[in-house]
Amino acid sequence: AGTNPRAARVAALIQRVIASSMEAQLHDKRLASVTITDVRVTNDLQIAKVYWTQLGMRREQGERKRAKQALDQAKGRLRSLVGSKAGLRLTPQLQFIYDEVPSEAHEIEDILLSRTSVT
């Protein structure tokens, strides 16, 4: 969200709206394990980068691909929901980006656990 406090507030709002809408309104099984990890909005409020991951899905490329397709298909609907709930004059474009950090953290954790159990 940069240094703009308004962009930070809008990002937090977008994260809440998308997370709650995915469960309550989209009803897409491909999104069952998807979690929104972060949202970053440009200072001009034009673009919102929505970072997401899948819980319990390790190295499942097919699952990730299906979830990405579901997010892209729901992009317009989610943007409309964000616009109506946020009351913004201009609703930012949504860009969905897979968040690699949680899966990398799991891999590091697995490596550390395997090393401690060996010693």
PDB file of N, CA and C in Angstrom:
ATOM      1  N   ALA A   1       0.823  -1.196   0.000  1.00  0.00           N
ATOM      2  CA  ALA A   1       0.000   0.000   0.000  1.00  0.00           C
ATOM      3  C   ALA A   1       0.862   1.254   0.000  1.00  0.00           C
ATOM      4  N   GLY A   2       2.178   1.101   0.044  1.00  0.00           N
ATOM      5  CA  GLY A   2       3.059   2.255  -0.012  1.00  0.00           C
ATOM      6  C   GLY A   2       2.948   3.099   1.241  1.00  0.00           C
ATOM      7  N   THR A   3       3.098   4.423   1.077  1.00  0.00           N
ATOM      8  CA  THR A   3       3.066   5.319   2.221  1.00  0.00           C
ATOM      9  C   THR A   3       1.724   6.042   2.342  1.00  0.00           C
ATOM     10  N   ASN A   4       0.847   5.842   1.395  1.00  0.00           N
ATOM     11  CA  ASN A   4      -0.444   6.519   1.385  1.00  0.00           C
ATOM     12  C   ASN A   4      -1.402   5.821   2.363  1.00  0.00           C
ATOM     13  N   PRO A   5      -1.810   6.509   3.445  1.00  0.00           N
ATOM     14  CA  PRO A   5      -2.695   5.871   4.425  1.00  0.00           C
ATOM     15  C   PRO A   5      -4.053   5.488   3.826  1.00  0.00           C
ATOM     16  N   ARG A   6      -4.532   6.262   2.872  1.00  0.00           N
ATOM     17  CA  ARG A   6      -5.820   5.935   2.242  1.00  0.00           C
ATOM     18  C   ARG A   6      -5.697   4.641   1.448  1.00  0.00           C
ATOM     19  N   ALA A   7      -4.589   4.467   0.732  1.00  0.00           N
ATOM     20  CA  ALA A   7      -4.362   3.233  -0.032  1.00  0.00           C
ATOM     21  C   ALA A   7      -4.303   2.036   0.919  1.00  0.00           C
ATOM     22  N   ALA A   8      -3.696   2.224   2.087  1.00  0.00           N
ATOM     23  CA  ALA A   8      -3.617   1.146   3.081  1.00  0.00           C
ATOM     24  C   ALA A   8      -5.010   0.780   3.589  1.00  0.00           C
ATOM     25  N   ARG A   9      -5.854   1.790   3.844  1.00  0.00           N
ATOM     26  CA  ARG A   9      -7.226   1.533   4.303  1.00  0.00           C
ATOM     27  C   ARG A   9      -8.038   0.823   3.228  1.00  0.00           C
ATOM     28  N   VAL A  10      -7.889   1.270   1.989  1.00  0.00           N
ATOM     29  CA  VAL A  10      -8.613   0.654   0.877  1.00  0.00           C
ATOM     30  C   VAL A  10      -8.154  -0.791   0.696  1.00  0.00           C
ATOM     31  N   ALA A  11      -6.848  -1.038   0.824  1.00  0.00           N
ATOM     32  CA  ALA A  11      -6.314  -2.395   0.693  1.00  0.00           C
ATOM     33  C   ALA A  11      -6.903  -3.323   1.755  1.00  0.00           C
ATOM     34  N   ALA A  12      -6.959  -2.850   2.998  1.00  0.00           N
ATOM     35  CA  ALA A  12      -7.519  -3.652   4.087  1.00  0.00           C
ATOM     36  C   ALA A  12      -9.000  -3.940   3.842  1.00  0.00           C
ATOM     37  N   LEU A  13      -9.714  -2.948   3.350  1.00  0.00           N
ATOM     38  CA  LEU A  13     -11.134  -3.116   3.044  1.00  0.00           C
ATOM     39  C   LEU A  13     -11.331  -4.136   1.919  1.00  0.00           C
ATOM     40  N   ILE A  14     -10.525  -4.027   0.877  1.00  0.00           N
ATOM     41  CA  ILE A  14     -10.621  -4.957  -0.252  1.00  0.00           C
ATOM     42  C   ILE A  14     -10.350  -6.385   0.230  1.00  0.00           C
ATOM     43  N   GLN A  15      -9.352  -6.544   1.092  1.00  0.00           N
ATOM     44  CA  GLN A  15      -9.027  -7.875   1.603  1.00  0.00           C
ATOM     45  C   GLN A  15     -10.218  -8.467   2.353  1.00  0.00           C
ATOM     46  N   ARG A  16     -10.865  -7.668   3.212  1.00  0.00           N
ATOM     47  CA  ARG A  16     -12.022  -8.151   3.972  1.00  0.00           C
ATOM     48  C   ARG A  16     -13.177  -8.502   3.046  1.00  0.00           C
ATOM     49  N   VAL A  17     -13.473  -7.635   2.085  1.00  0.00           N
ATOM     50  CA  VAL A  17     -14.601  -7.854   1.175  1.00  0.00           C
ATOM     51  C   VAL A  17     -14.392  -9.113   0.339  1.00  0.00           C
ATOM     52  N   ILE A  18     -13.196  -9.267  -0.234  1.00  0.00           N
ATOM     53  CA  ILE A  18     -12.937 -10.434  -1.078  1.00  0.00           C
ATOM     54  C   ILE A  18     -12.971 -11.715  -0.254  1.00  0.00           C
ATOM     55  N   ALA A  19     -12.335 -11.705   0.903  1.00  0.00           N
ATOM     56  CA  ALA A  19     -12.306 -12.911   1.739  1.00  0.00           C
ATOM     57  C   ALA A  19     -13.718 -13.331   2.144  1.00  0.00           C
ATOM     58  N   SER A  20     -14.547 -12.387   2.559  1.00  0.00           N
ATOM     59  CA  SER A  20     -15.905 -12.748   2.982  1.00  0.00           C
ATOM     60  C   SER A  20     -16.781 -13.110   1.780  1.00  0.00           C
ATOM     61  N   SER A  21     -16.569 -12.467   0.647  1.00  0.00           N
ATOM     62  CA  SER A  21     -17.379 -12.743  -0.538  1.00  0.00           C
ATOM     63  C   SER A  21     -17.072 -14.104  -1.148  1.00  0.00           C
ATOM     64  N   MET A  22     -15.830 -14.536  -1.045  1.00  0.00           N
ATOM     65  CA  MET A  22     -15.469 -15.832  -1.620  1.00  0.00           C
ATOM     66  C   MET A  22     -16.286 -16.940  -0.976  1.00  0.00           C
ATOM     67  N   GLU A  23     -16.470 -16.867   0.335  1.00  0.00           N
ATOM     68  CA  GLU A  23     -17.252 -17.878   1.035  1.00  0.00           C
ATOM     69  C   GLU A  23     -18.746 -17.667   0.837  1.00  0.00           C
ATOM     70  N   ALA A  24     -19.193 -16.442   1.068  1.00  0.00           N
ATOM     71  CA  ALA A  24     -20.629 -16.175   1.134  1.00  0.00           C
ATOM     72  C   ALA A  24     -21.321 -16.105  -0.218  1.00  0.00           C
ATOM     73  N   GLN A  25     -20.616 -15.670  -1.266  1.00  0.00           N
ATOM     74  CA  GLN A  25     -21.322 -15.386  -2.503  1.00  0.00           C
ATOM     75  C   GLN A  25     -20.839 -16.116  -3.733  1.00  0.00           C
ATOM     76  N   LEU A  26     -19.611 -16.601  -3.750  1.00  0.00           N
ATOM     77  CA  LEU A  26     -19.117 -17.220  -4.975  1.00  0.00           C
ATOM     78  C   LEU A  26     -19.457 -18.701  -5.074  1.00  0.00           C
ATOM     79  N   HIS A  27     -19.452 -19.403  -3.961  1.00  0.00           N
ATOM     80  CA  HIS A  27     -19.811 -20.830  -3.931  1.00  0.00           C
ATOM     81  C   HIS A  27     -19.091 -21.641  -5.002  1.00  0.00           C
ATOM     82  N   ASP A  28     -17.804 -21.409  -5.170  1.00  0.00           N
ATOM     83  CA  ASP A  28     -17.016 -22.137  -6.157  1.00  0.00           C
ATOM     84  C   ASP A  28     -16.088 -23.094  -5.415  1.00  0.00           C
ATOM     85  N   LYS A  29     -16.262 -24.377  -5.660  1.00  0.00           N
ATOM     86  CA  LYS A  29     -15.471 -25.390  -4.952  1.00  0.00           C
ATOM     87  C   LYS A  29     -13.963 -25.233  -5.193  1.00  0.00           C
ATOM     88  N   ARG A  30     -13.605 -24.660  -6.330  1.00  0.00           N
ATOM     89  CA  ARG A  30     -12.179 -24.464  -6.626  1.00  0.00           C
ATOM     90  C   ARG A  30     -11.541 -23.465  -5.665  1.00  0.00           C
ATOM     91  N   LEU A  31     -12.369 -22.656  -4.990  1.00  0.00           N
ATOM     92  CA  LEU A  31     -11.852 -21.630  -4.074  1.00  0.00           C
ATOM     93  C   LEU A  31     -11.936 -22.051  -2.609  1.00  0.00           C
ATOM     94  N   ALA A  32     -12.306 -23.312  -2.362  1.00  0.00           N
ATOM     95  CA  ALA A  32     -12.531 -23.779  -0.988  1.00  0.00           C
ATOM     96  C   ALA A  32     -11.302 -23.602  -0.095  1.00  0.00           C
ATOM     97  N   SER A  33     -10.113 -23.837  -0.624  1.00  0.00           N
ATOM     98  CA  SER A  33      -8.915 -23.762   0.213  1.00  0.00           C
ATOM     99  C   SER A  33      -8.110 -22.477  -0.014  1.00  0.00           C
ATOM    100  N   VAL A  34      -8.698 -21.524  -0.748  1.00  0.00           N
ATOM    101  CA  VAL A  34      -7.987 -20.274  -1.058  1.00  0.00           C
ATOM    102  C   VAL A  34      -8.115 -19.284   0.094  1.00  0.00           C
ATOM    103  N   THR A  35      -6.991 -18.677   0.434  1.00  0.00           N
ATOM    104  CA  THR A  35      -6.943 -17.652   1.467  1.00  0.00           C
ATOM    105  C   THR A  35      -6.280 -16.405   0.885  1.00  0.00           C
ATOM    106  N   ILE A  36      -6.869 -15.260   1.160  1.00  0.00           N
ATOM    107  CA  ILE A  36      -6.276 -13.987   0.727  1.00  0.00           C
ATOM    108  C   ILE A  36      -5.260 -13.590   1.791  1.00  0.00           C
ATOM    109  N   THR A  37      -3.985 -13.517   1.388  1.00  0.00           N
ATOM    110  CA  THR A  37      -2.930 -13.242   2.363  1.00  0.00           C
ATOM    111  C   THR A  37      -2.583 -11.764   2.482  1.00  0.00           C
ATOM    112  N   ASP A  38      -2.794 -11.008   1.398  1.00  0.00           N
ATOM    113  CA  ASP A  38      -2.428  -9.589   1.434  1.00  0.00           C
ATOM    114  C   ASP A  38      -3.065  -8.884   0.244  1.00  0.00           C
ATOM    115  N   VAL A  39      -3.273  -7.603   0.381  1.00  0.00           N
ATOM    116  CA  VAL A  39      -3.716  -6.762  -0.733  1.00  0.00           C
ATOM    117  C   VAL A  39      -2.879  -5.501  -0.701  1.00  0.00           C
ATOM    118  N   ARG A  40      -2.355  -5.134  -1.854  1.00  0.00           N
ATOM    119  CA  ARG A  40      -1.590  -3.884  -1.965  1.00  0.00           C
ATOM    120  C   ARG A  40      -2.208  -3.043  -3.058  1.00  0.00           C
ATOM    121  N   VAL A  41      -2.527  -1.806  -2.707  1.00  0.00           N
ATOM    122  CA  VAL A  41      -3.173  -0.890  -3.639  1.00  0.00           C
ATOM    123  C   VAL A  41      -2.177   0.207  -4.012  1.00  0.00           C
ATOM    124  N   THR A  42      -2.122   0.522  -5.310  1.00  0.00           N
ATOM    125  CA  THR A  42      -1.242   1.606  -5.745  1.00  0.00           C
ATOM    126  C   THR A  42      -1.731   2.913  -5.128  1.00  0.00           C
ATOM    127  N   ASN A  43      -0.819   3.871  -4.962  1.00  0.00           N
ATOM    128  CA  ASN A  43      -1.174   5.141  -4.323  1.00  0.00           C
ATOM    129  C   ASN A  43      -2.277   5.897  -5.055  1.00  0.00           C
ATOM    130  N   ASP A  44      -2.396   5.678  -6.383  1.00  0.00           N
ATOM    131  CA  ASP A  44      -3.464   6.348  -7.129  1.00  0.00           C
ATOM    132  C   ASP A  44      -4.776   5.553  -7.094  1.00  0.00           C
ATOM    133  N   LEU A  45      -4.795   4.449  -6.347  1.00  0.00           N
ATOM    134  CA  LEU A  45      -5.980   3.595  -6.153  1.00  0.00           C
ATOM    135  C   LEU A  45      -6.501   2.975  -7.455  1.00  0.00           C
ATOM    136  N   GLN A  46      -5.634   2.846  -8.448  1.00  0.00           N
ATOM    137  CA  GLN A  46      -6.042   2.287  -9.740  1.00  0.00           C
ATOM    138  C   GLN A  46      -5.987   0.760  -9.765  1.00  0.00           C
ATOM    139  N   ILE A  47      -4.985   0.187  -9.087  1.00  0.00           N
ATOM    140  CA  ILE A  47      -4.751  -1.259  -9.158  1.00  0.00           C
ATOM    141  C   ILE A  47      -4.612  -1.825  -7.755  1.00  0.00           C
ATOM    142  N   ALA A  48      -5.287  -2.944  -7.525  1.00  0.00           N
ATOM    143  CA  ALA A  48      -5.156  -3.681  -6.271  1.00  0.00           C
ATOM    144  C   ALA A  48      -4.558  -5.040  -6.586  1.00  0.00           C
ATOM    145  N   LYS A  49      -3.379  -5.298  -6.042  1.00  0.00           N
ATOM    146  CA  LYS A  49      -2.749  -6.606  -6.202  1.00  0.00           C
ATOM    147  C   LYS A  49      -3.195  -7.461  -5.029  1.00  0.00           C
ATOM    148  N   VAL A  50      -3.919  -8.530  -5.347  1.00  0.00           N
ATOM    149  CA  VAL A  50      -4.498  -9.401  -4.336  1.00  0.00           C
ATOM    150  C   VAL A  50      -3.657 -10.676  -4.269  1.00  0.00           C
ATOM    151  N   TYR A  51      -2.963 -10.861  -3.151  1.00  0.00           N
ATOM    152  CA  TYR A  51      -2.103 -12.027  -2.977  1.00  0.00           C
ATOM    153  C   TYR A  51      -2.906 -13.139  -2.313  1.00  0.00           C
ATOM    154  N   TRP A  52      -2.787 -14.348  -2.861  1.00  0.00           N
ATOM    155  CA  TRP A  52      -3.567 -15.466  -2.346  1.00  0.00           C
ATOM    156  C   TRP A  52      -2.709 -16.722  -2.266  1.00  0.00           C
ATOM    157  N   THR A  53      -3.147 -17.654  -1.452  1.00  0.00           N
ATOM    158  CA  THR A  53      -2.486 -18.948  -1.354  1.00  0.00           C
ATOM    159  C   THR A  53      -3.550 -20.007  -1.109  1.00  0.00           C
ATOM    160  N   GLN A  54      -3.127 -21.243  -1.154  1.00  0.00           N
ATOM    161  CA  GLN A  54      -4.036 -22.356  -0.877  1.00  0.00           C
ATOM    162  C   GLN A  54      -3.546 -23.086   0.353  1.00  0.00           C
ATOM    163  N   LEU A  55      -4.431 -23.258   1.307  1.00  0.00           N
ATOM    164  CA  LEU A  55      -4.082 -23.970   2.526  1.00  0.00           C
ATOM    165  C   LEU A  55      -4.166 -25.464   2.271  1.00  0.00           C
ATOM    166  N   GLY A  56      -3.193 -26.185   2.775  1.00  0.00           N
ATOM    167  CA  GLY A  56      -3.206 -27.637   2.655  1.00  0.00           C
ATOM    168  C   GLY A  56      -2.885 -28.157   1.267  1.00  0.00           C
ATOM    169  N   MET A  57      -2.531 -27.294   0.343  1.00  0.00           N
ATOM    170  CA  MET A  57      -2.224 -27.726  -1.025  1.00  0.00           C
ATOM    171  C   MET A  57      -0.735 -27.505  -1.272  1.00  0.00           C
ATOM    172  N   ARG A  58       0.031 -28.548  -1.172  1.00  0.00           N
ATOM    173  CA  ARG A  58       1.466 -28.416  -1.415  1.00  0.00           C
ATOM    174  C   ARG A  58       1.826 -29.011  -2.765  1.00  0.00           C
ATOM    175  N   ARG A  59       2.480 -28.197  -3.549  1.00  0.00           N
ATOM    176  CA  ARG A  59       3.004 -28.618  -4.850  1.00  0.00           C
ATOM    177  C   ARG A  59       1.929 -29.188  -5.766  1.00  0.00           C
ATOM    178  N   GLU A  60       0.707 -28.759  -5.620  1.00  0.00           N
ATOM    179  CA  GLU A  60      -0.381 -29.225  -6.475  1.00  0.00           C
ATOM    180  C   GLU A  60      -0.636 -28.177  -7.547  1.00  0.00           C
ATOM    181  N   GLN A  61       0.096 -28.281  -8.629  1.00  0.00           N
ATOM    182  CA  GLN A  61       0.018 -27.300  -9.713  1.00  0.00           C
ATOM    183  C   GLN A  61      -1.396 -27.237 -10.299  1.00  0.00           C
ATOM    184  N   GLY A  62      -2.041 -28.398 -10.478  1.00  0.00           N
ATOM    185  CA  GLY A  62      -3.386 -28.434 -11.053  1.00  0.00           C
ATOM    186  C   GLY A  62      -4.400 -27.711 -10.187  1.00  0.00           C
ATOM    187  N   GLU A  63      -4.323 -27.927  -8.890  1.00  0.00           N
ATOM    188  CA  GLU A  63      -5.240 -27.260  -7.956  1.00  0.00           C
ATOM    189  C   GLU A  63      -5.033 -25.750  -7.998  1.00  0.00           C
ATOM    190  N   ARG A  64      -3.782 -25.344  -8.021  1.00  0.00           N
ATOM    191  CA  ARG A  64      -3.464 -23.918  -8.066  1.00  0.00           C
ATOM    192  C   ARG A  64      -3.994 -23.289  -9.351  1.00  0.00           C
ATOM    193  N   LYS A  65      -3.827 -24.005 -10.452  1.00  0.00           N
ATOM    194  CA  LYS A  65      -4.277 -23.502 -11.752  1.00  0.00           C
ATOM    195  C   LYS A  65      -5.802 -23.343 -11.781  1.00  0.00           C
ATOM    196  N   ARG A  66      -6.520 -24.324 -11.223  1.00  0.00           N
ATOM    197  CA  ARG A  66      -7.989 -24.242 -11.181  1.00  0.00           C
ATOM    198  C   ARG A  66      -8.450 -23.097 -10.289  1.00  0.00           C
ATOM    199  N   ALA A  67      -7.762 -22.904  -9.159  1.00  0.00           N
ATOM    200  CA  ALA A  67      -8.117 -21.803  -8.258  1.00  0.00           C
ATOM    201  C   ALA A  67      -7.876 -20.460  -8.943  1.00  0.00           C
ATOM    202  N   LYS A  68      -6.759 -20.347  -9.666  1.00  0.00           N
ATOM    203  CA  LYS A  68      -6.446 -19.106 -10.390  1.00  0.00           C
ATOM    204  C   LYS A  68      -7.517 -18.823 -11.440  1.00  0.00           C
ATOM    205  N   GLN A  69      -7.958 -19.865 -12.161  1.00  0.00           N
ATOM    206  CA  GLN A  69      -9.023 -19.686 -13.152  1.00  0.00           C
ATOM    207  C   GLN A  69     -10.311 -19.198 -12.481  1.00  0.00           C
ATOM    208  N   ALA A  70     -10.638 -19.785 -11.336  1.00  0.00           N
ATOM    209  CA  ALA A  70     -11.847 -19.383 -10.607  1.00  0.00           C
ATOM    210  C   ALA A  70     -11.761 -17.927 -10.168  1.00  0.00           C
ATOM    211  N   LEU A  71     -10.591 -17.515  -9.673  1.00  0.00           N
ATOM    212  CA  LEU A  71     -10.405 -16.125  -9.249  1.00  0.00           C
ATOM    213  C   LEU A  71     -10.537 -15.180 -10.443  1.00  0.00           C
ATOM    214  N   ASP A  72      -9.918 -15.553 -11.555  1.00  0.00           N
ATOM    215  CA  ASP A  72      -9.994 -14.699 -12.738  1.00  0.00           C
ATOM    216  C   ASP A  72     -11.432 -14.598 -13.260  1.00  0.00           C
ATOM    217  N   GLN A  73     -12.169 -15.706 -13.208  1.00  0.00           N
ATOM    218  CA  GLN A  73     -13.562 -15.678 -13.650  1.00  0.00           C
ATOM    219  C   GLN A  73     -14.432 -14.823 -12.726  1.00  0.00           C
ATOM    220  N   ALA A  74     -14.090 -14.790 -11.451  1.00  0.00           N
ATOM    221  CA  ALA A  74     -14.881 -14.038 -10.472  1.00  0.00           C
ATOM    222  C   ALA A  74     -14.415 -12.593 -10.331  1.00  0.00           C
ATOM    223  N   LYS A  75     -13.374 -12.220 -11.052  1.00  0.00           N
ATOM    224  CA  LYS A  75     -12.758 -10.891 -10.909  1.00  0.00           C
ATOM    225  C   LYS A  75     -13.769  -9.757 -11.049  1.00  0.00           C
ATOM    226  N   GLY A  76     -14.603  -9.791 -12.080  1.00  0.00           N
ATOM    227  CA  GLY A  76     -15.589  -8.734 -12.304  1.00  0.00           C
ATOM    228  C   GLY A  76     -16.605  -8.649 -11.178  1.00  0.00           C
ATOM    229  N   ARG A  77     -17.086  -9.818 -10.753  1.00  0.00           N
ATOM    230  CA  ARG A  77     -18.075  -9.851  -9.671  1.00  0.00           C
ATOM    231  C   ARG A  77     -17.459  -9.337  -8.370  1.00  0.00           C
ATOM    232  N   LEU A  78     -16.232  -9.782  -8.092  1.00  0.00           N
ATOM    233  CA  LEU A  78     -15.562  -9.325  -6.867  1.00  0.00           C
ATOM    234  C   LEU A  78     -15.306  -7.823  -6.908  1.00  0.00           C
ATOM    235  N   ARG A  79     -14.928  -7.319  -8.067  1.00  0.00           N
ATOM    236  CA  ARG A  79     -14.679  -5.880  -8.196  1.00  0.00           C
ATOM    237  C   ARG A  79     -15.972  -5.099  -7.952  1.00  0.00           C
ATOM    238  N   SER A  80     -17.093  -5.602  -8.467  1.00  0.00           N
ATOM    239  CA  SER A  80     -18.391  -4.954  -8.230  1.00  0.00           C
ATOM    240  C   SER A  80     -18.739  -4.957  -6.749  1.00  0.00           C
ATOM    241  N   LEU A  81     -18.502  -6.089  -6.085  1.00  0.00           N
ATOM    242  CA  LEU A  81     -18.782  -6.179  -4.647  1.00  0.00           C
ATOM    243  C   LEU A  81     -17.906  -5.211  -3.862  1.00  0.00           C
ATOM    244  N   VAL A  82     -16.636  -5.138  -4.229  1.00  0.00           N
ATOM    245  CA  VAL A  82     -15.716  -4.200  -3.567  1.00  0.00           C
ATOM    246  C   VAL A  82     -16.222  -2.772  -3.763  1.00  0.00           C
ATOM    247  N   GLY A  83     -16.602  -2.440  -4.992  1.00  0.00           N
ATOM    248  CA  GLY A  83     -17.094  -1.093  -5.288  1.00  0.00           C
ATOM    249  C   GLY A  83     -18.327  -0.729  -4.490  1.00  0.00           C
ATOM    250  N   SER A  84     -19.282  -1.663  -4.405  1.00  0.00           N
ATOM    251  CA  SER A  84     -20.521  -1.351  -3.689  1.00  0.00           C
ATOM    252  C   SER A  84     -20.308  -1.277  -2.179  1.00  0.00           C
ATOM    253  N   LYS A  85     -19.459  -2.147  -1.644  1.00  0.00           N
ATOM    254  CA  LYS A  85     -19.232  -2.145  -0.191  1.00  0.00           C
ATOM    255  C   LYS A  85     -18.269  -1.058   0.255  1.00  0.00           C
ATOM    256  N   ALA A  86     -17.345  -0.679  -0.626  1.00  0.00           N
ATOM    257  CA  ALA A  86     -16.348   0.326  -0.253  1.00  0.00           C
ATOM    258  C   ALA A  86     -16.848   1.737  -0.499  1.00  0.00           C
ATOM    259  N   GLY A  87     -17.813   1.882  -1.392  1.00  0.00           N
ATOM    260  CA  GLY A  87     -18.326   3.207  -1.697  1.00  0.00           C
ATOM    261  C   GLY A  87     -17.299   4.090  -2.375  1.00  0.00           C
ATOM    262  N   LEU A  88     -16.428   3.487  -3.169  1.00  0.00           N
ATOM    263  CA  LEU A  88     -15.384   4.246  -3.852  1.00  0.00           C
ATOM    264  C   LEU A  88     -15.910   4.788  -5.179  1.00  0.00           C
ATOM    265  N   ARG A  89     -15.440   5.954  -5.558  1.00  0.00           N
ATOM    266  CA  ARG A  89     -15.827   6.534  -6.842  1.00  0.00           C
ATOM    267  C   ARG A  89     -15.247   5.686  -7.971  1.00  0.00           C
ATOM    268  N   LEU A  90     -14.014   5.252  -7.783  1.00  0.00           N
ATOM    269  CA  LEU A  90     -13.361   4.398  -8.763  1.00  0.00           C
ATOM    270  C   LEU A  90     -12.875   3.144  -8.039  1.00  0.00           C
ATOM    271  N   THR A  91     -13.340   1.988  -8.488  1.00  0.00           N
ATOM    272  CA  THR A  91     -12.910   0.737  -7.869  1.00  0.00           C
ATOM    273  C   THR A  91     -11.636   0.262  -8.560  1.00  0.00           C
ATOM    274  N   PRO A  92     -10.601  -0.061  -7.792  1.00  0.00           N
ATOM    275  CA  PRO A  92      -9.343  -0.503  -8.408  1.00  0.00           C
ATOM    276  C   PRO A  92      -9.513  -1.790  -9.218  1.00  0.00           C
ATOM    277  N   GLN A  93      -8.707  -1.942 -10.255  1.00  0.00           N
ATOM    278  CA  GLN A  93      -8.653  -3.202 -10.989  1.00  0.00           C
ATOM    279  C   GLN A  93      -8.021  -4.229 -10.069  1.00  0.00           C
ATOM    280  N   LEU A  94      -8.526  -5.462 -10.106  1.00  0.00           N
ATOM    281  CA  LEU A  94      -7.987  -6.518  -9.261  1.00  0.00           C
ATOM    282  C   LEU A  94      -7.012  -7.382 -10.052  1.00  0.00           C
ATOM    283  N   GLN A  95      -5.855  -7.589  -9.483  1.00  0.00           N
ATOM    284  CA  GLN A  95      -4.865  -8.504 -10.062  1.00  0.00           C
ATOM    285  C   GLN A  95      -4.583  -9.578  -9.016  1.00  0.00           C
ATOM    286  N   PHE A  96      -4.812 -10.836  -9.372  1.00  0.00           N
ATOM    287  CA  PHE A  96      -4.579 -11.927  -8.433  1.00  0.00           C
ATOM    288  C   PHE A  96      -3.188 -12.502  -8.645  1.00  0.00           C
ATOM    289  N   ILE A  97      -2.417 -12.557  -7.556  1.00  0.00           N
ATOM    290  CA  ILE A  97      -1.033 -13.025  -7.604  1.00  0.00           C
ATOM    291  C   ILE A  97      -0.865 -14.116  -6.554  1.00  0.00           C
ATOM    292  N   TYR A  98      -0.370 -15.278  -7.006  1.00  0.00           N
ATOM    293  CA  TYR A  98      -0.159 -16.373  -6.064  1.00  0.00           C
ATOM    294  C   TYR A  98       0.962 -16.004  -5.098  1.00  0.00           C
ATOM    295  N   ASP A  99       0.705 -16.161  -3.810  1.00  0.00           N
ATOM    296  CA  ASP A  99       1.667 -15.814  -2.763  1.00  0.00           C
ATOM    297  C   ASP A  99       2.522 -17.046  -2.456  1.00  0.00           C
ATOM    298  N   GLU A 100       3.786 -17.000  -2.867  1.00  0.00           N
ATOM    299  CA  GLU A 100       4.698 -18.136  -2.695  1.00  0.00           C
ATOM    300  C   GLU A 100       5.186 -18.289  -1.256  1.00  0.00           C
ATOM    301  N   VAL A 101       5.118 -17.240  -0.463  1.00  0.00           N
ATOM    302  CA  VAL A 101       5.736 -17.246   0.866  1.00  0.00           C
ATOM    303  C   VAL A 101       5.207 -18.369   1.774  1.00  0.00           C
ATOM    304  N   PRO A 102       3.886 -18.574   1.901  1.00  0.00           N
ATOM    305  CA  PRO A 102       3.431 -19.643   2.808  1.00  0.00           C
ATOM    306  C   PRO A 102       3.931 -21.032   2.403  1.00  0.00           C
ATOM    307  N   SER A 103       3.930 -21.343   1.111  1.00  0.00           N
ATOM    308  CA  SER A 103       4.392 -22.674   0.707  1.00  0.00           C
ATOM    309  C   SER A 103       5.894 -22.813   0.897  1.00  0.00           C
ATOM    310  N   GLU A 104       6.636 -21.735   0.673  1.00  0.00           N
ATOM    311  CA  GLU A 104       8.085 -21.781   0.916  1.00  0.00           C
ATOM    312  C   GLU A 104       8.365 -21.949   2.404  1.00  0.00           C
ATOM    313  N   ALA A 105       7.555 -21.325   3.236  1.00  0.00           N
ATOM    314  CA  ALA A 105       7.728 -21.460   4.684  1.00  0.00           C
ATOM    315  C   ALA A 105       7.492 -22.905   5.109  1.00  0.00           C
ATOM    316  N   HIS A 106       6.476 -23.557   4.520  1.00  0.00           N
ATOM    317  CA  HIS A 106       6.211 -24.967   4.826  1.00  0.00           C
ATOM    318  C   HIS A 106       7.394 -25.840   4.430  1.00  0.00           C
ATOM    319  N   GLU A 107       7.977 -25.566   3.261  1.00  0.00           N
ATOM    320  CA  GLU A 107       9.116 -26.352   2.802  1.00  0.00           C
ATOM    321  C   GLU A 107      10.298 -26.203   3.760  1.00  0.00           C
ATOM    322  N   ILE A 108      10.561 -24.978   4.192  1.00  0.00           N
ATOM    323  CA  ILE A 108      11.661 -24.731   5.135  1.00  0.00           C
ATOM    324  C   ILE A 108      11.382 -25.442   6.455  1.00  0.00           C
ATOM    325  N   GLU A 109      10.129 -25.360   6.907  1.00  0.00           N
ATOM    326  CA  GLU A 109       9.726 -26.013   8.143  1.00  0.00           C
ATOM    327  C   GLU A 109       9.930 -27.529   8.040  1.00  0.00           C
ATOM    328  N   ASP A 110       9.538 -28.122   6.903  1.00  0.00           N
ATOM    329  CA  ASP A 110       9.716 -29.561   6.688  1.00  0.00           C
ATOM    330  C   ASP A 110      11.194 -29.942   6.747  1.00  0.00           C
ATOM    331  N   ILE A 111      12.036 -29.132   6.120  1.00  0.00           N
ATOM    332  CA  ILE A 111      13.481 -29.395   6.108  1.00  0.00           C
ATOM    333  C   ILE A 111      14.026 -29.345   7.534  1.00  0.00           C
ATOM    334  N   LEU A 112      13.629 -28.311   8.278  1.00  0.00           N
ATOM    335  CA  LEU A 112      14.100 -28.174   9.658  1.00  0.00           C
ATOM    336  C   LEU A 112      13.626 -29.335  10.535  1.00  0.00           C
ATOM    337  N   LEU A 113      12.379 -29.738  10.352  1.00  0.00           N
ATOM    338  CA  LEU A 113      11.845 -30.859  11.137  1.00  0.00           C
ATOM    339  C   LEU A 113      12.578 -32.154  10.807  1.00  0.00           C
ATOM    340  N   SER A 114      12.873 -32.374   9.536  1.00  0.00           N
ATOM    341  CA  SER A 114      13.557 -33.615   9.164  1.00  0.00           C
ATOM    342  C   SER A 114      14.992 -33.632   9.716  1.00  0.00           C
ATOM    343  N   ARG A 115      15.607 -32.478   9.802  1.00  0.00           N
ATOM    344  CA  ARG A 115      16.974 -32.418  10.345  1.00  0.00           C
ATOM    345  C   ARG A 115      16.983 -32.645  11.856  1.00  0.00           C
ATOM    346  N   THR A 116      15.990 -32.114  12.561  1.00  0.00           N
ATOM    347  CA  THR A 116      15.963 -32.290  14.015  1.00  0.00           C
ATOM    348  C   THR A 116      15.604 -33.714  14.397  1.00  0.00           C
ATOM    349  N   SER A 117      14.826 -34.398  13.564  1.00  0.00           N
ATOM    350  CA  SER A 117      14.464 -35.778  13.890  1.00  0.00           C
ATOM    351  C   SER A 117      15.605 -36.748  13.594  1.00  0.00           C
ATOM    352  N   VAL A 118      16.563 -36.343  12.763  1.00  0.00           N
ATOM    353  CA  VAL A 118      17.693 -37.197  12.431  1.00  0.00           C
ATOM    354  C   VAL A 118      18.719 -37.195  13.562  1.00  0.00           C
ATOM    355  N   THR A 119      18.894 -36.052  14.205  1.00  0.00           N
ATOM    356  CA  THR A 119      19.932 -35.938  15.231  1.00  0.00           C
ATOM    357  C   THR A 119      19.524 -36.539  16.548  1.00  0.00           C
TER     358      THR A 119
END
